[in-house]
Amino acid sequence: MKYLNKEEKDIIESFNKNEWKSTKNKGKTEYVEAAKQSLAKSKRINIRLTAQDFYAIQTKAIEEGIPYQTLISSLIHKYNNGKIKFTS
């Protein structure tokens, strides 16, 4: 435990004192569905971007801490589900 920070030590101490309560699988179906979706086979596509757009996407992905392909896929997914809109 010497490598744990104070917050981590507090969580372990709280758990050991039985201060945690089970959620009785609350939200389990959402997690199961998310797991199924993550295992679904993906289709490979090729797209052409300007160098400027490509580097901007790479920069945003680095800021988010995710691969740029994941960022692009997420943007397309959100657009398809109406969570983001195209504006001209």
C-alpha atoms as a PDB file:
ATOM      1  CA  MET A   1       0.000   0.000   0.000  1.00  0.00           C
ATOM      2  CA  LYS A   2       2.985   2.305   0.092  1.00  0.00           C
ATOM      3  CA  TYR A   3       2.435   3.193  -3.583  1.00  0.00           C
ATOM      4  CA  LEU A   4      -1.173   4.323  -3.063  1.00  0.00           C
ATOM      5  CA  ASN A   5      -2.149   7.957  -2.727  1.00  0.00           C
ATOM      6  CA  LYS A   6      -4.331   9.234   0.134  1.00  0.00           C
ATOM      7  CA  GLU A   7      -7.575   8.919  -1.834  1.00  0.00           C
ATOM      8  CA  GLU A   8      -6.819   5.307  -2.771  1.00  0.00           C
ATOM      9  CA  LYS A   9      -5.931   4.462   0.822  1.00  0.00           C
ATOM     10  CA  ASP A  10      -9.177   6.080   2.037  1.00  0.00           C
ATOM     11  CA  ILE A  11     -11.194   3.989  -0.433  1.00  0.00           C
ATOM     12  CA  ILE A  12      -9.540   0.757   0.711  1.00  0.00           C
ATOM     13  CA  GLU A  13     -10.055   1.691   4.351  1.00  0.00           C
ATOM     14  CA  SER A  14     -13.723   2.490   3.684  1.00  0.00           C
ATOM     15  CA  PHE A  15     -14.189  -0.815   1.864  1.00  0.00           C
ATOM     16  CA  ASN A  16     -12.572  -2.749   4.709  1.00  0.00           C
ATOM     17  CA  LYS A  17     -14.995  -1.086   7.149  1.00  0.00           C
ATOM     18  CA  ASN A  18     -17.913  -2.446   5.054  1.00  0.00           C
ATOM     19  CA  GLU A  19     -19.108   1.065   4.211  1.00  0.00           C
ATOM     20  CA  TRP A  20     -19.864   0.060   0.607  1.00  0.00           C
ATOM     21  CA  LYS A  21     -23.266  -1.191  -0.536  1.00  0.00           C
ATOM     22  CA  SER A  22     -24.054  -3.447  -3.475  1.00  0.00           C
ATOM     23  CA  THR A  23     -25.974  -1.918  -6.372  1.00  0.00           C
ATOM     24  CA  LYS A  24     -27.588  -5.312  -7.073  1.00  0.00           C
ATOM     25  CA  ASN A  25     -26.626  -5.261 -10.756  1.00  0.00           C
ATOM     26  CA  LYS A  26     -28.013  -1.747 -11.234  1.00  0.00           C
ATOM     27  CA  GLY A  27     -27.353  -0.767 -14.837  1.00  0.00           C
ATOM     28  CA  LYS A  28     -26.012  -4.225 -15.673  1.00  0.00           C
ATOM     29  CA  THR A  29     -28.005  -4.413 -18.921  1.00  0.00           C
ATOM     30  CA  GLU A  30     -26.395  -1.173 -20.121  1.00  0.00           C
ATOM     31  CA  TYR A  31     -22.921  -2.595 -19.496  1.00  0.00           C
ATOM     32  CA  VAL A  32     -23.786  -5.890 -21.187  1.00  0.00           C
ATOM     33  CA  GLU A  33     -25.062  -4.039 -24.259  1.00  0.00           C
ATOM     34  CA  ALA A  34     -21.964  -1.832 -24.342  1.00  0.00           C
ATOM     35  CA  ALA A  35     -19.754  -4.923 -24.160  1.00  0.00           C
ATOM     36  CA  LYS A  36     -21.660  -6.541 -27.033  1.00  0.00           C
ATOM     37  CA  GLN A  37     -21.278  -3.408 -29.137  1.00  0.00           C
ATOM     38  CA  SER A  38     -17.561  -3.221 -28.437  1.00  0.00           C
ATOM     39  CA  LEU A  39     -17.128  -6.797 -29.633  1.00  0.00           C
ATOM     40  CA  ALA A  40     -19.112  -6.259 -32.835  1.00  0.00           C
ATOM     41  CA  LYS A  41     -17.012  -6.517 -35.965  1.00  0.00           C
ATOM     42  CA  SER A  42     -16.058  -3.180 -37.430  1.00  0.00           C
ATOM     43  CA  LYS A  43     -15.877  -2.318 -41.091  1.00  0.00           C
ATOM     44  CA  ARG A  44     -12.740  -0.755 -42.450  1.00  0.00           C
ATOM     45  CA  ILE A  45     -13.067   2.401 -44.553  1.00  0.00           C
ATOM     46  CA  ASN A  46     -10.667   4.756 -46.281  1.00  0.00           C
ATOM     47  CA  ILE A  47     -11.205   8.503 -46.289  1.00  0.00           C
ATOM     48  CA  ARG A  48      -9.203  11.401 -47.604  1.00  0.00           C
ATOM     49  CA  LEU A  49      -8.561  14.387 -45.360  1.00  0.00           C
ATOM     50  CA  THR A  50      -6.542  17.493 -45.854  1.00  0.00           C
ATOM     51  CA  ALA A  51      -3.256  17.406 -43.982  1.00  0.00           C
ATOM     52  CA  GLN A  52      -4.496  20.304 -41.850  1.00  0.00           C
ATOM     53  CA  ASP A  53      -7.667  18.424 -40.802  1.00  0.00           C
ATOM     54  CA  PHE A  54      -5.707  15.233 -40.174  1.00  0.00           C
ATOM     55  CA  TYR A  55      -3.207  16.948 -37.884  1.00  0.00           C
ATOM     56  CA  ALA A  56      -6.004  18.829 -36.102  1.00  0.00           C
ATOM     57  CA  ILE A  57      -7.817  15.537 -35.424  1.00  0.00           C
ATOM     58  CA  GLN A  58      -4.600  13.945 -34.197  1.00  0.00           C
ATOM     59  CA  THR A  59      -4.065  16.900 -31.852  1.00  0.00           C
ATOM     60  CA  LYS A  60      -7.620  16.663 -30.477  1.00  0.00           C
ATOM     61  CA  ALA A  61      -7.223  12.914 -29.990  1.00  0.00           C
ATOM     62  CA  ILE A  62      -3.987  13.426 -28.057  1.00  0.00           C
ATOM     63  CA  GLU A  63      -5.744  16.015 -25.869  1.00  0.00           C
ATOM     64  CA  GLU A  64      -8.529  13.480 -25.195  1.00  0.00           C
ATOM     65  CA  GLY A  65      -6.036  10.670 -24.626  1.00  0.00           C
ATOM     66  CA  ILE A  66      -7.500   8.417 -27.319  1.00  0.00           C
ATOM     67  CA  PRO A  67      -6.341   7.155 -30.720  1.00  0.00           C
ATOM     68  CA  TYR A  68      -7.349   9.418 -33.613  1.00  0.00           C
ATOM     69  CA  GLN A  69      -9.233   6.557 -35.301  1.00  0.00           C
ATOM     70  CA  THR A  70     -11.363   6.209 -32.163  1.00  0.00           C
ATOM     71  CA  LEU A  71     -12.092   9.939 -32.199  1.00  0.00           C
ATOM     72  CA  ILE A  72     -13.170   9.839 -35.853  1.00  0.00           C
ATOM     73  CA  SER A  73     -15.321   6.750 -35.228  1.00  0.00           C
ATOM     74  CA  SER A  74     -16.909   8.413 -32.195  1.00  0.00           C
ATOM     75  CA  LEU A  75     -17.747  11.543 -34.187  1.00  0.00           C
ATOM     76  CA  ILE A  76     -19.387   9.487 -36.936  1.00  0.00           C
ATOM     77  CA  HIS A  77     -21.320   7.442 -34.364  1.00  0.00           C
ATOM     78  CA  LYS A  78     -22.559  10.571 -32.585  1.00  0.00           C
ATOM     79  CA  TYR A  79     -23.602  12.139 -35.891  1.00  0.00           C
ATOM     80  CA  ASN A  80     -25.509   8.993 -36.907  1.00  0.00           C
ATOM     81  CA  ASN A  81     -27.353   8.998 -33.571  1.00  0.00           C
ATOM     82  CA  GLY A  82     -28.276  12.680 -33.813  1.00  0.00           C
ATOM     83  CA  LYS A  83     -26.058  13.743 -30.923  1.00  0.00           C
ATOM     84  CA  ILE A  84     -24.180  16.194 -33.119  1.00  0.00           C
ATOM     85  CA  LYS A  85     -25.538  18.077 -36.116  1.00  0.00           C
ATOM     86  CA  PHE A  86     -23.939  19.144 -39.360  1.00  0.00           C
ATOM     87  CA  THR A  87     -24.084  22.891 -39.889  1.00  0.00           C
ATOM     88  CA  SER A  88     -23.150  24.717 -43.031  1.00  0.00           C
END
